[in-house]
Amino acid sequence: MVSGSGVMAKRVVVDARHHMLGRLASIVAKELLTGQRVVVVRCEEIALSGGLVRQKMKYLRFLRKRMNTKPSHGPIHFRAPSKIFWRTVRGMIPHKTKRGAAALERLKVYEGVPPPYDKIKRMVVPDALKVLRLQKGHKYCLLGRLSKEVGWNHYDTIRELEEKRKERSKVAYERKKQITRLRVQAEKIAEKQLGAQLDILAAVKY
């Protein structure tokens, strides 16, 4: 995910935890338009500047906006965090053109970290991180909590699934550390047993 370099990964997985909504969406939108495939996970952990009460009032005002004669024609009011983020990115892309529609097809968004992305290296976007972009002392709220307040019913389910995933990841990480430690010990034992033979092998760059 290197803008303007022409070098693109097959697929970039972005961990959206504690990223600012608008900044992350603008960076993702630009990458999509350059041809990069992007997967955004943990959308429920995205941060919005401003307290929860303020953001909830803004969203409730948005929910009142509808077509008077046929409300199903739009605007469509998404409640899920992943769909809210998707809609934010869509607003930054010319999605009614072929180029924009193709760019939007390259984006995948999820709550939590579903398989197979739980075993793939996840990136962060420094230009959108809350700790670097939100001034100290300013209020913020998380998108998952806002979604729960306005009608998203899967907040607790996602939290439970994330707790189970973190437990599995912790066990896998401990096992990996143990294997690495045993490998280092085995290499030291092998060096002692080989002794002078290592000098002979070094000469032929074995």
C-alpha atoms as a PDB file:
ATOM      1  CA  MET A   1       0.000   0.000   0.000  1.00  0.00           C
ATOM      2  CA  VAL A   2       2.501   2.568  -1.247  1.00  0.00           C
ATOM      3  CA  SER A   3       0.778   5.536  -2.872  1.00  0.00           C
ATOM      4  CA  GLY A   4       2.165   6.680  -6.202  1.00  0.00           C
ATOM      5  CA  SER A   5       4.987   4.124  -6.319  1.00  0.00           C
ATOM      6  CA  GLY A   6       3.265   1.637  -8.629  1.00  0.00           C
ATOM      7  CA  VAL A   7       4.109  -1.127  -6.125  1.00  0.00           C
ATOM      8  CA  MET A   8       0.968  -2.862  -4.841  1.00  0.00           C
ATOM      9  CA  ALA A   9       0.451  -5.858  -2.609  1.00  0.00           C
ATOM     10  CA  LYS A  10      -2.052  -8.475  -3.720  1.00  0.00           C
ATOM     11  CA  ARG A  11      -4.262  -7.515  -0.789  1.00  0.00           C
ATOM     12  CA  VAL A  12      -3.722  -5.238   2.209  1.00  0.00           C
ATOM     13  CA  VAL A  13      -5.452  -6.031   5.506  1.00  0.00           C
ATOM     14  CA  VAL A  14      -5.932  -2.926   7.671  1.00  0.00           C
ATOM     15  CA  ASP A  15      -6.692  -3.199  11.386  1.00  0.00           C
ATOM     16  CA  ALA A  16      -9.021  -0.224  11.928  1.00  0.00           C
ATOM     17  CA  ARG A  17      -8.756  -0.215  15.725  1.00  0.00           C
ATOM     18  CA  HIS A  18      -8.453   3.363  17.054  1.00  0.00           C
ATOM     19  CA  HIS A  19      -8.169   4.987  13.620  1.00  0.00           C
ATOM     20  CA  MET A  20     -10.096   8.192  12.910  1.00  0.00           C
ATOM     21  CA  LEU A  21     -13.085   7.480  10.645  1.00  0.00           C
ATOM     22  CA  GLY A  22     -12.689  10.249   8.050  1.00  0.00           C
ATOM     23  CA  ARG A  23      -8.907  10.087   7.782  1.00  0.00           C
ATOM     24  CA  LEU A  24      -8.852   6.319   7.379  1.00  0.00           C
ATOM     25  CA  ALA A  25     -11.669   6.456   4.803  1.00  0.00           C
ATOM     26  CA  SER A  26      -9.878   9.080   2.687  1.00  0.00           C
ATOM     27  CA  ILE A  27      -6.622   7.097   2.627  1.00  0.00           C
ATOM     28  CA  VAL A  28      -8.439   3.839   1.811  1.00  0.00           C
ATOM     29  CA  ALA A  29     -10.445   5.586  -0.958  1.00  0.00           C
ATOM     30  CA  LYS A  30      -7.265   6.876  -2.608  1.00  0.00           C
ATOM     31  CA  GLU A  31      -5.678   3.416  -2.483  1.00  0.00           C
ATOM     32  CA  LEU A  32      -8.775   1.797  -4.005  1.00  0.00           C
ATOM     33  CA  LEU A  33      -8.719   4.256  -6.918  1.00  0.00           C
ATOM     34  CA  THR A  34      -5.075   3.347  -7.648  1.00  0.00           C
ATOM     35  CA  GLY A  35      -6.039  -0.323  -7.976  1.00  0.00           C
ATOM     36  CA  GLN A  36      -5.134  -1.651  -4.512  1.00  0.00           C
ATOM     37  CA  ARG A  37      -7.345  -4.300  -2.891  1.00  0.00           C
ATOM     38  CA  VAL A  38      -8.062  -3.385   0.734  1.00  0.00           C
ATOM     39  CA  VAL A  39      -9.655  -5.388   3.562  1.00  0.00           C
ATOM     40  CA  VAL A  40     -10.596  -3.429   6.705  1.00  0.00           C
ATOM     41  CA  VAL A  41     -11.203  -5.436   9.897  1.00  0.00           C
ATOM     42  CA  ARG A  42     -12.378  -4.426  13.409  1.00  0.00           C
ATOM     43  CA  CYS A  43     -14.580  -1.615  12.087  1.00  0.00           C
ATOM     44  CA  GLU A  44     -16.404  -1.498  15.420  1.00  0.00           C
ATOM     45  CA  GLU A  45     -13.195  -0.067  16.989  1.00  0.00           C
ATOM     46  CA  ILE A  46     -12.976   2.945  14.625  1.00  0.00           C
ATOM     47  CA  ALA A  47     -12.926   6.274  16.498  1.00  0.00           C
ATOM     48  CA  LEU A  48     -14.956   9.416  15.817  1.00  0.00           C
ATOM     49  CA  SER A  49     -14.016  12.802  17.267  1.00  0.00           C
ATOM     50  CA  GLY A  50     -16.705  14.148  19.601  1.00  0.00           C
ATOM     51  CA  GLY A  51     -18.479  12.506  22.510  1.00  0.00           C
ATOM     52  CA  LEU A  52     -21.007   9.689  22.205  1.00  0.00           C
ATOM     53  CA  VAL A  53     -24.052  11.858  23.030  1.00  0.00           C
ATOM     54  CA  ARG A  54     -23.118  14.419  20.344  1.00  0.00           C
ATOM     55  CA  GLN A  55     -22.498  11.746  17.704  1.00  0.00           C
ATOM     56  CA  LYS A  56     -25.731   9.940  18.593  1.00  0.00           C
ATOM     57  CA  MET A  57     -27.746  13.147  18.161  1.00  0.00           C
ATOM     58  CA  LYS A  58     -26.116  13.741  14.768  1.00  0.00           C
ATOM     59  CA  TYR A  59     -26.920  10.211  13.640  1.00  0.00           C
ATOM     60  CA  LEU A  60     -30.530  10.418  14.829  1.00  0.00           C
ATOM     61  CA  ARG A  61     -30.924  13.583  12.743  1.00  0.00           C
ATOM     62  CA  PHE A  62     -29.533  11.636   9.773  1.00  0.00           C
ATOM     63  CA  LEU A  63     -32.054   8.829  10.388  1.00  0.00           C
ATOM     64  CA  ARG A  64     -34.906  11.304   9.950  1.00  0.00           C
ATOM     65  CA  LYS A  65     -33.774  12.136   6.400  1.00  0.00           C
ATOM     66  CA  ARG A  66     -35.803  10.059   3.936  1.00  0.00           C
ATOM     67  CA  MET A  67     -37.777  10.225   0.720  1.00  0.00           C
ATOM     68  CA  ASN A  68     -41.256  11.432   1.644  1.00  0.00           C
ATOM     69  CA  THR A  69     -43.292   9.430  -0.882  1.00  0.00           C
ATOM     70  CA  LYS A  70     -41.213   6.208  -0.962  1.00  0.00           C
ATOM     71  CA  PRO A  71     -38.689   5.905   1.911  1.00  0.00           C
ATOM     72  CA  SER A  72     -37.241   2.650   0.542  1.00  0.00           C
ATOM     73  CA  HIS A  73     -35.719   4.666  -2.324  1.00  0.00           C
ATOM     74  CA  GLY A  74     -33.260   6.222   0.111  1.00  0.00           C
ATOM     75  CA  PRO A  75     -31.202   7.442   1.671  1.00  0.00           C
ATOM     76  CA  ILE A  76     -30.388   4.049   3.190  1.00  0.00           C
ATOM     77  CA  HIS A  77     -29.408   4.331   6.866  1.00  0.00           C
ATOM     78  CA  PHE A  78     -26.869   1.635   7.772  1.00  0.00           C
ATOM     79  CA  ARG A  79     -26.471   0.677  11.422  1.00  0.00           C
ATOM     80  CA  ALA A  80     -23.562  -1.791  11.268  1.00  0.00           C
ATOM     81  CA  PRO A  81     -20.089  -0.215  11.793  1.00  0.00           C
ATOM     82  CA  SER A  82     -18.652  -1.910   8.697  1.00  0.00           C
ATOM     83  CA  LYS A  83     -21.455  -0.550   6.497  1.00  0.00           C
ATOM     84  CA  ILE A  84     -21.137   2.952   7.989  1.00  0.00           C
ATOM     85  CA  PHE A  85     -17.417   2.901   7.132  1.00  0.00           C
ATOM     86  CA  TRP A  86     -18.192   1.499   3.660  1.00  0.00           C
ATOM     87  CA  ARG A  87     -20.668   4.324   3.052  1.00  0.00           C
ATOM     88  CA  THR A  88     -18.085   6.901   4.200  1.00  0.00           C
ATOM     89  CA  VAL A  89     -15.564   5.529   1.686  1.00  0.00           C
ATOM     90  CA  ARG A  90     -18.242   5.449  -1.029  1.00  0.00           C
ATOM     91  CA  GLY A  91     -18.814   9.178  -0.518  1.00  0.00           C
ATOM     92  CA  MET A  92     -15.130   9.793  -1.338  1.00  0.00           C
ATOM     93  CA  ILE A  93     -15.225   7.800  -4.588  1.00  0.00           C
ATOM     94  CA  PRO A  94     -17.026   8.622  -7.881  1.00  0.00           C
ATOM     95  CA  HIS A  95     -19.033   5.428  -7.375  1.00  0.00           C
ATOM     96  CA  LYS A  96     -21.499   6.120 -10.205  1.00  0.00           C
ATOM     97  CA  THR A  97     -18.749   5.798 -12.830  1.00  0.00           C
ATOM     98  CA  LYS A  98     -17.236   2.492 -13.980  1.00  0.00           C
ATOM     99  CA  ARG A  99     -13.877   3.435 -12.451  1.00  0.00           C
ATOM    100  CA  GLY A 100     -15.453   4.274  -9.096  1.00  0.00           C
ATOM    101  CA  ALA A 101     -17.670   1.186  -9.050  1.00  0.00           C
ATOM    102  CA  ALA A 102     -14.635  -1.006  -9.805  1.00  0.00           C
ATOM    103  CA  ALA A 103     -12.698   0.698  -6.998  1.00  0.00           C
ATOM    104  CA  LEU A 104     -15.501   0.076  -4.515  1.00  0.00           C
ATOM    105  CA  GLU A 105     -15.541  -3.618  -5.505  1.00  0.00           C
ATOM    106  CA  ARG A 106     -11.940  -3.857  -4.234  1.00  0.00           C
ATOM    107  CA  LEU A 107     -12.990  -2.942  -0.683  1.00  0.00           C
ATOM    108  CA  LYS A 108     -14.066  -5.492   1.937  1.00  0.00           C
ATOM    109  CA  VAL A 109     -15.109  -4.454   5.450  1.00  0.00           C
ATOM    110  CA  TYR A 110     -15.779  -6.573   8.558  1.00  0.00           C
ATOM    111  CA  GLU A 111     -16.586  -6.324  12.241  1.00  0.00           C
ATOM    112  CA  GLY A 112     -14.066  -8.281  14.277  1.00  0.00           C
ATOM    113  CA  VAL A 113     -11.355 -10.307  12.532  1.00  0.00           C
ATOM    114  CA  PRO A 114     -13.007 -13.233  10.696  1.00  0.00           C
ATOM    115  CA  PRO A 115     -11.042 -16.112   9.117  1.00  0.00           C
ATOM    116  CA  PRO A 116      -8.808 -16.142   7.110  1.00  0.00           C
ATOM    117  CA  TYR A 117      -7.743 -12.605   8.104  1.00  0.00           C
ATOM    118  CA  ASP A 118      -6.996 -13.636  11.708  1.00  0.00           C
ATOM    119  CA  LYS A 119      -3.886 -15.438  10.395  1.00  0.00           C
ATOM    120  CA  ILE A 120      -2.752 -12.697   7.983  1.00  0.00           C
ATOM    121  CA  LYS A 121      -0.469  -9.821   8.955  1.00  0.00           C
ATOM    122  CA  ARG A 122      -2.541  -6.698   9.628  1.00  0.00           C
ATOM    123  CA  MET A 123      -1.375  -3.142   8.949  1.00  0.00           C
ATOM    124  CA  VAL A 124      -2.091   0.210  10.584  1.00  0.00           C
ATOM    125  CA  VAL A 125      -2.266   3.610   8.872  1.00  0.00           C
ATOM    126  CA  PRO A 126      -0.134   6.068  10.907  1.00  0.00           C
ATOM    127  CA  ASP A 127      -1.695   9.135   9.236  1.00  0.00           C
ATOM    128  CA  ALA A 128      -5.107   8.120  10.604  1.00  0.00           C
ATOM    129  CA  LEU A 129      -4.225   6.901  14.113  1.00  0.00           C
ATOM    130  CA  LYS A 130      -6.148   8.515  16.971  1.00  0.00           C
ATOM    131  CA  VAL A 131      -3.063   8.914  19.161  1.00  0.00           C
ATOM    132  CA  LEU A 132      -1.355  10.952  16.424  1.00  0.00           C
ATOM    133  CA  ARG A 133      -4.327  12.877  15.008  1.00  0.00           C
ATOM    134  CA  LEU A 134      -6.730  13.644  17.873  1.00  0.00           C
ATOM    135  CA  GLN A 135      -5.586  16.413  20.192  1.00  0.00           C
ATOM    136  CA  LYS A 136      -4.962  15.473  23.803  1.00  0.00           C
ATOM    137  CA  GLY A 137      -8.017  15.825  26.010  1.00  0.00           C
ATOM    138  CA  HIS A 138     -10.531  15.889  23.146  1.00  0.00           C
ATOM    139  CA  LYS A 139     -13.541  13.597  23.441  1.00  0.00           C
ATOM    140  CA  TYR A 140     -14.079  10.673  21.097  1.00  0.00           C
ATOM    141  CA  CYS A 141     -16.361   7.661  20.761  1.00  0.00           C
ATOM    142  CA  LEU A 142     -16.101   4.272  19.081  1.00  0.00           C
ATOM    143  CA  LEU A 143     -18.181   3.409  16.039  1.00  0.00           C
ATOM    144  CA  GLY A 144     -19.362   0.093  17.529  1.00  0.00           C
ATOM    145  CA  ARG A 145     -20.808   1.805  20.588  1.00  0.00           C
ATOM    146  CA  LEU A 146     -22.557   4.413  18.415  1.00  0.00           C
ATOM    147  CA  SER A 147     -23.992   1.668  16.211  1.00  0.00           C
ATOM    148  CA  LYS A 148     -25.338  -0.134  19.268  1.00  0.00           C
ATOM    149  CA  GLU A 149     -27.092   3.076  20.388  1.00  0.00           C
ATOM    150  CA  VAL A 150     -28.801   3.576  17.006  1.00  0.00           C
ATOM    151  CA  GLY A 151     -30.040   0.026  16.452  1.00  0.00           C
ATOM    152  CA  TRP A 152     -27.155  -2.413  15.701  1.00  0.00           C
ATOM    153  CA  ASN A 153     -27.955  -5.653  17.548  1.00  0.00           C
ATOM    154  CA  HIS A 154     -24.680  -7.598  17.286  1.00  0.00           C
ATOM    155  CA  TYR A 155     -22.377  -5.516  19.519  1.00  0.00           C
ATOM    156  CA  ASP A 156     -22.214  -8.078  22.342  1.00  0.00           C
ATOM    157  CA  THR A 157     -21.869 -11.014  19.921  1.00  0.00           C
ATOM    158  CA  ILE A 158     -18.866  -9.434  18.207  1.00  0.00           C
ATOM    159  CA  ARG A 159     -17.241  -8.692  21.597  1.00  0.00           C
ATOM    160  CA  GLU A 160     -17.617 -12.345  22.657  1.00  0.00           C
ATOM    161  CA  LEU A 161     -16.188 -13.614  19.355  1.00  0.00           C
ATOM    162  CA  GLU A 162     -13.246 -11.194  19.638  1.00  0.00           C
ATOM    163  CA  GLU A 163     -12.472 -12.391  23.179  1.00  0.00           C
ATOM    164  CA  LYS A 164     -12.372 -16.003  21.930  1.00  0.00           C
ATOM    165  CA  ARG A 165     -10.150 -15.013  18.973  1.00  0.00           C
ATOM    166  CA  LYS A 166      -7.713 -13.195  21.279  1.00  0.00           C
ATOM    167  CA  GLU A 167      -7.485 -16.245  23.537  1.00  0.00           C
ATOM    168  CA  ARG A 168      -6.689 -18.470  20.539  1.00  0.00           C
ATOM    169  CA  SER A 169      -4.099 -15.966  19.309  1.00  0.00           C
ATOM    170  CA  LYS A 170      -2.456 -15.848  22.740  1.00  0.00           C
ATOM    171  CA  VAL A 171      -2.123 -19.648  22.855  1.00  0.00           C
ATOM    172  CA  ALA A 172      -0.698 -19.735  19.318  1.00  0.00           C
ATOM    173  CA  TYR A 173       1.802 -16.961  20.156  1.00  0.00           C
ATOM    174  CA  GLU A 174       3.033 -18.752  23.301  1.00  0.00           C
ATOM    175  CA  ARG A 175       3.491 -21.952  21.287  1.00  0.00           C
ATOM    176  CA  LYS A 176       5.436 -20.047  18.624  1.00  0.00           C
ATOM    177  CA  LYS A 177       7.737 -18.540  21.280  1.00  0.00           C
ATOM    178  CA  GLN A 178       8.340 -21.973  22.773  1.00  0.00           C
ATOM    179  CA  ILE A 179       9.243 -23.456  19.367  1.00  0.00           C
ATOM    180  CA  THR A 180      11.638 -20.547  18.681  1.00  0.00           C
ATOM    181  CA  ARG A 181      13.306 -21.036  22.083  1.00  0.00           C
ATOM    182  CA  LEU A 182      13.756 -24.791  21.474  1.00  0.00           C
ATOM    183  CA  ARG A 183      15.191 -24.120  18.019  1.00  0.00           C
ATOM    184  CA  VAL A 184      17.809 -21.721  19.445  1.00  0.00           C
ATOM    185  CA  GLN A 185      18.770 -24.321  22.061  1.00  0.00           C
ATOM    186  CA  ALA A 186      19.065 -27.024  19.368  1.00  0.00           C
ATOM    187  CA  GLU A 187      21.312 -24.779  17.244  1.00  0.00           C
ATOM    188  CA  LYS A 188      23.640 -24.165  20.222  1.00  0.00           C
ATOM    189  CA  ILE A 189      23.868 -27.903  20.967  1.00  0.00           C
ATOM    190  CA  ALA A 190      24.591 -28.636  17.288  1.00  0.00           C
ATOM    191  CA  GLU A 191      27.391 -26.031  17.258  1.00  0.00           C
ATOM    192  CA  LYS A 192      29.029 -27.661  20.306  1.00  0.00           C
ATOM    193  CA  GLN A 193      28.788 -31.148  18.788  1.00  0.00           C
ATOM    194  CA  LEU A 194      30.137 -30.109  15.379  1.00  0.00           C
ATOM    195  CA  GLY A 195      32.996 -28.051  16.822  1.00  0.00           C
ATOM    196  CA  ALA A 196      35.904 -27.828  14.378  1.00  0.00           C
ATOM    197  CA  GLN A 197      33.792 -29.127  11.490  1.00  0.00           C
ATOM    198  CA  LEU A 198      32.015 -25.735  11.374  1.00  0.00           C
ATOM    199  CA  ASP A 199      35.241 -24.085  10.131  1.00  0.00           C
ATOM    200  CA  ILE A 200      35.415 -26.576   7.241  1.00  0.00           C
ATOM    201  CA  LEU A 201      31.745 -25.932   6.363  1.00  0.00           C
ATOM    202  CA  ALA A 202      32.259 -22.156   6.572  1.00  0.00           C
ATOM    203  CA  ALA A 203      34.988 -22.352   3.928  1.00  0.00           C
ATOM    204  CA  VAL A 204      32.552 -23.794   1.401  1.00  0.00           C
ATOM    205  CA  LYS A 205      29.797 -21.446   2.636  1.00  0.00           C
ATOM    206  CA  TYR A 206      27.496 -24.254   3.639  1.00  0.00           C
END
